[in-house]
Amino acid sequence: MKKLLTVVCMLTFLISGCSDDVNKKESTHPRSELEKSIANSLIENFGHRHEFPEDAVEVLEFDETTGKMKVIALTYIYEDDIYADFKAEILSSCASVLQDIKRQSEVTEVDFIVAVPALDEDGNQMKNLEGNPIDNMTIFNMVFERKNLKNINFNELDPLKLSKKANFYFEALIE
């Protein structure tokens, strides 16, 4: 299983670097200053795992009327990564981004997802049982309301406390 994951990750890196046009996603609306700030935080915390750091921002939406923000950060696991270390790094990156979101008083709720590409050993998009392509596999899915976000002390963050405050899932990678 580990060899399969290694091959998948290697092919993911090869495919992702083939074309800048494939990797670029055009925004349907100009980003606000708040969105730019959070995008920069995502790039800073997740971009080091990408050839083009801005590819770490898969989705960043903020509804000014409701104060709800949706964030999908895209990341990769390297073939030589130890899974426990990878999870710890991702949690640390999540905490840093959430700390930046916490500073934005306009945000009342955030749905924060961290995903990895779902590619088979040939680098092709994996399909579910119905034959439909699987876009990404979720590692973490956290939903915070403002009251929970305010109660987290990010300077003394314990991942177990983070998981209790969030709607928290591990779905994708198998140890």
C-alpha atoms as a PDB file:
ATOM      1  CA  MET A   1       0.000   0.000   0.000  1.00  0.00           C
ATOM      2  CA  LYS A   2       2.857   2.360   0.831  1.00  0.00           C
ATOM      3  CA  LYS A   3       4.483   1.680  -2.553  1.00  0.00           C
ATOM      4  CA  LEU A   4       1.204   2.447  -4.295  1.00  0.00           C
ATOM      5  CA  LEU A   5       0.912   5.739  -2.411  1.00  0.00           C
ATOM      6  CA  THR A   6       4.515   6.554  -3.328  1.00  0.00           C
ATOM      7  CA  VAL A   7       3.877   5.938  -7.023  1.00  0.00           C
ATOM      8  CA  VAL A   8       0.672   7.979  -6.929  1.00  0.00           C
ATOM      9  CA  CYS A   9       2.436  10.910  -5.304  1.00  0.00           C
ATOM     10  CA  MET A  10       5.340  10.813  -7.761  1.00  0.00           C
ATOM     11  CA  LEU A  11       2.986  10.810 -10.718  1.00  0.00           C
ATOM     12  CA  THR A  12       0.963  13.603  -9.169  1.00  0.00           C
ATOM     13  CA  PHE A  13       4.052  15.792  -9.019  1.00  0.00           C
ATOM     14  CA  LEU A  14       4.963  14.985 -12.625  1.00  0.00           C
ATOM     15  CA  ILE A  15       1.494  15.720 -13.926  1.00  0.00           C
ATOM     16  CA  SER A  16       1.039  18.852 -11.848  1.00  0.00           C
ATOM     17  CA  GLY A  17       4.236  20.327 -13.239  1.00  0.00           C
ATOM     18  CA  CYS A  18       3.458  19.603 -16.898  1.00  0.00           C
ATOM     19  CA  SER A  19       1.380  22.643 -17.659  1.00  0.00           C
ATOM     20  CA  ASP A  20       0.968  25.960 -15.927  1.00  0.00           C
ATOM     21  CA  ASP A  21      -2.334  26.393 -17.800  1.00  0.00           C
ATOM     22  CA  VAL A  22      -3.757  23.196 -16.339  1.00  0.00           C
ATOM     23  CA  ASN A  23      -2.794  24.233 -12.823  1.00  0.00           C
ATOM     24  CA  LYS A  24      -4.160  27.771 -13.000  1.00  0.00           C
ATOM     25  CA  LYS A  25      -7.759  28.291 -11.985  1.00  0.00           C
ATOM     26  CA  GLU A  26      -9.344  31.524 -13.104  1.00  0.00           C
ATOM     27  CA  SER A  27     -11.178  33.415 -10.404  1.00  0.00           C
ATOM     28  CA  THR A  28     -14.761  34.327 -11.234  1.00  0.00           C
ATOM     29  CA  HIS A  29     -14.592  37.488  -9.123  1.00  0.00           C
ATOM     30  CA  PRO A  30     -11.808  39.751  -7.936  1.00  0.00           C
ATOM     31  CA  ARG A  31     -10.601  38.906  -4.447  1.00  0.00           C
ATOM     32  CA  SER A  32     -11.257  41.266  -1.580  1.00  0.00           C
ATOM     33  CA  GLU A  33      -8.447  42.358   0.735  1.00  0.00           C
ATOM     34  CA  LEU A  34      -9.659  39.809   3.289  1.00  0.00           C
ATOM     35  CA  GLU A  35      -9.546  37.003   0.707  1.00  0.00           C
ATOM     36  CA  LYS A  36      -6.100  38.121  -0.475  1.00  0.00           C
ATOM     37  CA  SER A  37      -4.844  38.036   3.106  1.00  0.00           C
ATOM     38  CA  ILE A  38      -6.130  34.495   3.673  1.00  0.00           C
ATOM     39  CA  ALA A  39      -4.866  33.377   0.247  1.00  0.00           C
ATOM     40  CA  ASN A  40      -1.394  34.628   1.203  1.00  0.00           C
ATOM     41  CA  SER A  41      -1.614  32.664   4.451  1.00  0.00           C
ATOM     42  CA  LEU A  42      -2.594  29.507   2.546  1.00  0.00           C
ATOM     43  CA  ILE A  43       0.261  29.989   0.090  1.00  0.00           C
ATOM     44  CA  GLU A  44       2.703  30.556   2.945  1.00  0.00           C
ATOM     45  CA  ASN A  45       1.560  27.463   4.860  1.00  0.00           C
ATOM     46  CA  PHE A  46       0.712  24.987   2.076  1.00  0.00           C
ATOM     47  CA  GLY A  47       2.521  26.368  -0.990  1.00  0.00           C
ATOM     48  CA  HIS A  48       5.884  24.745  -0.239  1.00  0.00           C
ATOM     49  CA  ARG A  49       4.439  21.411  -1.389  1.00  0.00           C
ATOM     50  CA  HIS A  50       3.649  22.804  -4.866  1.00  0.00           C
ATOM     51  CA  GLU A  51       5.699  23.729  -7.900  1.00  0.00           C
ATOM     52  CA  PHE A  52       3.558  26.871  -8.091  1.00  0.00           C
ATOM     53  CA  PRO A  53       2.786  27.884  -4.473  1.00  0.00           C
ATOM     54  CA  GLU A  54      -0.453  29.666  -5.442  1.00  0.00           C
ATOM     55  CA  ASP A  55      -1.873  26.252  -6.452  1.00  0.00           C
ATOM     56  CA  ALA A  56      -2.317  25.541  -2.740  1.00  0.00           C
ATOM     57  CA  VAL A  57      -5.454  27.719  -2.854  1.00  0.00           C
ATOM     58  CA  GLU A  58      -8.035  25.411  -4.418  1.00  0.00           C
ATOM     59  CA  VAL A  59     -11.123  27.343  -3.236  1.00  0.00           C
ATOM     60  CA  LEU A  60     -11.412  30.567  -1.261  1.00  0.00           C
ATOM     61  CA  GLU A  61     -14.878  32.075  -0.990  1.00  0.00           C
ATOM     62  CA  PHE A  62     -16.170  34.671   1.433  1.00  0.00           C
ATOM     63  CA  ASP A  63     -19.813  35.719   1.646  1.00  0.00           C
ATOM     64  CA  GLU A  64     -19.841  39.261   3.012  1.00  0.00           C
ATOM     65  CA  THR A  65     -23.544  39.140   3.892  1.00  0.00           C
ATOM     66  CA  THR A  66     -23.354  36.008   6.081  1.00  0.00           C
ATOM     67  CA  GLY A  67     -19.697  36.207   7.115  1.00  0.00           C
ATOM     68  CA  LYS A  68     -19.146  32.588   6.028  1.00  0.00           C
ATOM     69  CA  MET A  69     -15.853  31.574   4.476  1.00  0.00           C
ATOM     70  CA  LYS A  70     -15.094  28.375   2.575  1.00  0.00           C
ATOM     71  CA  VAL A  71     -11.467  27.361   2.164  1.00  0.00           C
ATOM     72  CA  ILE A  72     -10.069  24.336   0.347  1.00  0.00           C
ATOM     73  CA  ALA A  73      -6.300  24.004   0.555  1.00  0.00           C
ATOM     74  CA  LEU A  74      -4.659  21.520  -1.788  1.00  0.00           C
ATOM     75  CA  THR A  75      -1.536  19.694  -0.666  1.00  0.00           C
ATOM     76  CA  TYR A  76       0.552  16.635  -1.480  1.00  0.00           C
ATOM     77  CA  ILE A  77       2.228  13.966   0.588  1.00  0.00           C
ATOM     78  CA  TYR A  78       5.798  13.218  -0.444  1.00  0.00           C
ATOM     79  CA  GLU A  79       6.906   9.631  -1.000  1.00  0.00           C
ATOM     80  CA  ASP A  80       9.402   9.801   1.867  1.00  0.00           C
ATOM     81  CA  ASP A  81       7.016  11.512   4.322  1.00  0.00           C
ATOM     82  CA  ILE A  82       6.197   9.697   7.513  1.00  0.00           C
ATOM     83  CA  TYR A  83       2.417   9.805   7.766  1.00  0.00           C
ATOM     84  CA  ALA A  84       2.340  10.930  11.412  1.00  0.00           C
ATOM     85  CA  ASP A  85       4.779  13.756  10.615  1.00  0.00           C
ATOM     86  CA  PHE A  86       2.703  14.724   7.582  1.00  0.00           C
ATOM     87  CA  LYS A  87      -0.456  14.936   9.722  1.00  0.00           C
ATOM     88  CA  ALA A  88       1.391  17.023  12.315  1.00  0.00           C
ATOM     89  CA  GLU A  89       2.676  19.406   9.624  1.00  0.00           C
ATOM     90  CA  ILE A  90      -0.799  19.780   8.143  1.00  0.00           C
ATOM     91  CA  LEU A  91      -2.300  20.478  11.583  1.00  0.00           C
ATOM     92  CA  SER A  92       0.367  23.083  12.213  1.00  0.00           C
ATOM     93  CA  SER A  93      -0.366  24.719   8.849  1.00  0.00           C
ATOM     94  CA  CYS A  94      -4.105  24.626   9.577  1.00  0.00           C
ATOM     95  CA  ALA A  95      -3.542  26.268  12.959  1.00  0.00           C
ATOM     96  CA  SER A  96      -1.513  29.045  11.363  1.00  0.00           C
ATOM     97  CA  VAL A  97      -4.163  29.728   8.700  1.00  0.00           C
ATOM     98  CA  LEU A  98      -6.942  29.595  11.305  1.00  0.00           C
ATOM     99  CA  GLN A  99      -5.019  32.073  13.424  1.00  0.00           C
ATOM    100  CA  ASP A 100      -4.971  34.454  10.444  1.00  0.00           C
ATOM    101  CA  ILE A 101      -8.694  33.889   9.876  1.00  0.00           C
ATOM    102  CA  LYS A 102      -9.340  34.531  13.573  1.00  0.00           C
ATOM    103  CA  ARG A 103      -7.884  38.036  13.139  1.00  0.00           C
ATOM    104  CA  GLN A 104     -10.553  38.854  10.540  1.00  0.00           C
ATOM    105  CA  SER A 105     -13.559  40.128  12.486  1.00  0.00           C
ATOM    106  CA  GLU A 106     -15.795  39.897   9.392  1.00  0.00           C
ATOM    107  CA  VAL A 107     -15.551  36.085   9.367  1.00  0.00           C
ATOM    108  CA  THR A 108     -18.293  34.504  11.473  1.00  0.00           C
ATOM    109  CA  GLU A 109     -17.875  30.916  10.270  1.00  0.00           C
ATOM    110  CA  VAL A 110     -15.242  29.039   8.303  1.00  0.00           C
ATOM    111  CA  ASP A 111     -15.418  25.684   6.553  1.00  0.00           C
ATOM    112  CA  PHE A 112     -11.776  24.665   6.147  1.00  0.00           C
ATOM    113  CA  ILE A 113     -10.891  21.613   4.062  1.00  0.00           C
ATOM    114  CA  VAL A 114      -7.442  20.220   3.312  1.00  0.00           C
ATOM    115  CA  ALA A 115      -7.361  17.854   0.327  1.00  0.00           C
ATOM    116  CA  VAL A 116      -4.898  15.771  -1.695  1.00  0.00           C
ATOM    117  CA  PRO A 117      -5.321  14.869  -5.376  1.00  0.00           C
ATOM    118  CA  ALA A 118      -6.851  11.446  -6.011  1.00  0.00           C
ATOM    119  CA  LEU A 119      -4.720   9.904  -8.765  1.00  0.00           C
ATOM    120  CA  ASP A 120      -4.119   6.249  -9.592  1.00  0.00           C
ATOM    121  CA  GLU A 121      -0.693   4.689 -10.167  1.00  0.00           C
ATOM    122  CA  ASP A 122      -0.761   5.850 -13.817  1.00  0.00           C
ATOM    123  CA  GLY A 123      -1.411   9.460 -12.817  1.00  0.00           C
ATOM    124  CA  ASN A 124      -5.013   9.360 -14.023  1.00  0.00           C
ATOM    125  CA  GLN A 125      -7.902  10.689 -12.004  1.00  0.00           C
ATOM    126  CA  MET A 126      -9.368   7.947  -9.800  1.00  0.00           C
ATOM    127  CA  LYS A 127     -13.018   6.955 -10.274  1.00  0.00           C
ATOM    128  CA  ASN A 128     -15.616   5.909  -7.733  1.00  0.00           C
ATOM    129  CA  LEU A 129     -17.707   2.724  -8.012  1.00  0.00           C
ATOM    130  CA  GLU A 130     -20.158   4.469 -10.350  1.00  0.00           C
ATOM    131  CA  GLY A 131     -17.305   5.424 -12.694  1.00  0.00           C
ATOM    132  CA  ASN A 132     -17.408   9.137 -11.850  1.00  0.00           C
ATOM    133  CA  PRO A 133     -14.075  10.903 -11.300  1.00  0.00           C
ATOM    134  CA  ILE A 134     -12.988  11.617  -7.738  1.00  0.00           C
ATOM    135  CA  ASP A 135     -11.648  15.161  -7.679  1.00  0.00           C
ATOM    136  CA  ASN A 136      -9.827  15.249  -4.351  1.00  0.00           C
ATOM    137  CA  MET A 137      -9.664  13.271  -1.164  1.00  0.00           C
ATOM    138  CA  THR A 138     -10.291  15.141   2.062  1.00  0.00           C
ATOM    139  CA  ILE A 139      -7.786  14.830   4.876  1.00  0.00           C
ATOM    140  CA  PHE A 140      -9.239  17.378   7.258  1.00  0.00           C
ATOM    141  CA  ASN A 141     -12.619  19.040   7.179  1.00  0.00           C
ATOM    142  CA  MET A 142     -13.114  21.597   9.929  1.00  0.00           C
ATOM    143  CA  VAL A 143     -16.131  23.795  10.476  1.00  0.00           C
ATOM    144  CA  PHE A 144     -15.749  26.620  12.983  1.00  0.00           C
ATOM    145  CA  GLU A 145     -18.214  29.157  14.233  1.00  0.00           C
ATOM    146  CA  ARG A 146     -16.883  32.498  15.473  1.00  0.00           C
ATOM    147  CA  LYS A 147     -17.433  31.580  19.149  1.00  0.00           C
ATOM    148  CA  ASN A 148     -15.269  28.452  18.754  1.00  0.00           C
ATOM    149  CA  LEU A 149     -12.628  30.328  16.781  1.00  0.00           C
ATOM    150  CA  LYS A 150     -12.359  32.951  19.532  1.00  0.00           C
ATOM    151  CA  ASN A 151     -11.882  30.274  22.204  1.00  0.00           C
ATOM    152  CA  ILE A 152      -8.830  28.666  20.597  1.00  0.00           C
ATOM    153  CA  ASN A 153      -5.451  29.800  21.892  1.00  0.00           C
ATOM    154  CA  PHE A 154      -3.286  29.154  18.852  1.00  0.00           C
ATOM    155  CA  ASN A 155      -0.080  29.856  20.757  1.00  0.00           C
ATOM    156  CA  GLU A 156      -0.692  26.789  22.909  1.00  0.00           C
ATOM    157  CA  LEU A 157      -2.414  24.658  20.302  1.00  0.00           C
ATOM    158  CA  ASP A 158      -2.931  20.999  21.056  1.00  0.00           C
ATOM    159  CA  PRO A 159      -4.165  19.058  17.989  1.00  0.00           C
ATOM    160  CA  LEU A 160      -6.538  17.063  20.197  1.00  0.00           C
ATOM    161  CA  LYS A 161      -8.202  20.253  21.412  1.00  0.00           C
ATOM    162  CA  LEU A 162      -8.407  21.474  17.815  1.00  0.00           C
ATOM    163  CA  SER A 163     -10.145  18.267  16.786  1.00  0.00           C
ATOM    164  CA  LYS A 164     -12.693  18.645  19.597  1.00  0.00           C
ATOM    165  CA  LYS A 165     -13.511  22.245  18.625  1.00  0.00           C
ATOM    166  CA  ALA A 166     -13.928  21.374  14.954  1.00  0.00           C
ATOM    167  CA  ASN A 167     -16.005  19.024  12.884  1.00  0.00           C
ATOM    168  CA  PHE A 168     -12.936  16.931  12.154  1.00  0.00           C
ATOM    169  CA  TYR A 169     -12.460  14.039   9.726  1.00  0.00           C
ATOM    170  CA  PHE A 170      -9.664  11.842   8.454  1.00  0.00           C
ATOM    171  CA  GLU A 171     -10.982  10.274   5.274  1.00  0.00           C
ATOM    172  CA  ALA A 172      -8.286   9.863   2.698  1.00  0.00           C
ATOM    173  CA  LEU A 173      -4.909   8.473   3.473  1.00  0.00           C
ATOM    174  CA  ILE A 174      -4.487   5.014   4.910  1.00  0.00           C
ATOM    175  CA  GLU A 175      -1.611   4.532   7.322  1.00  0.00           C
END
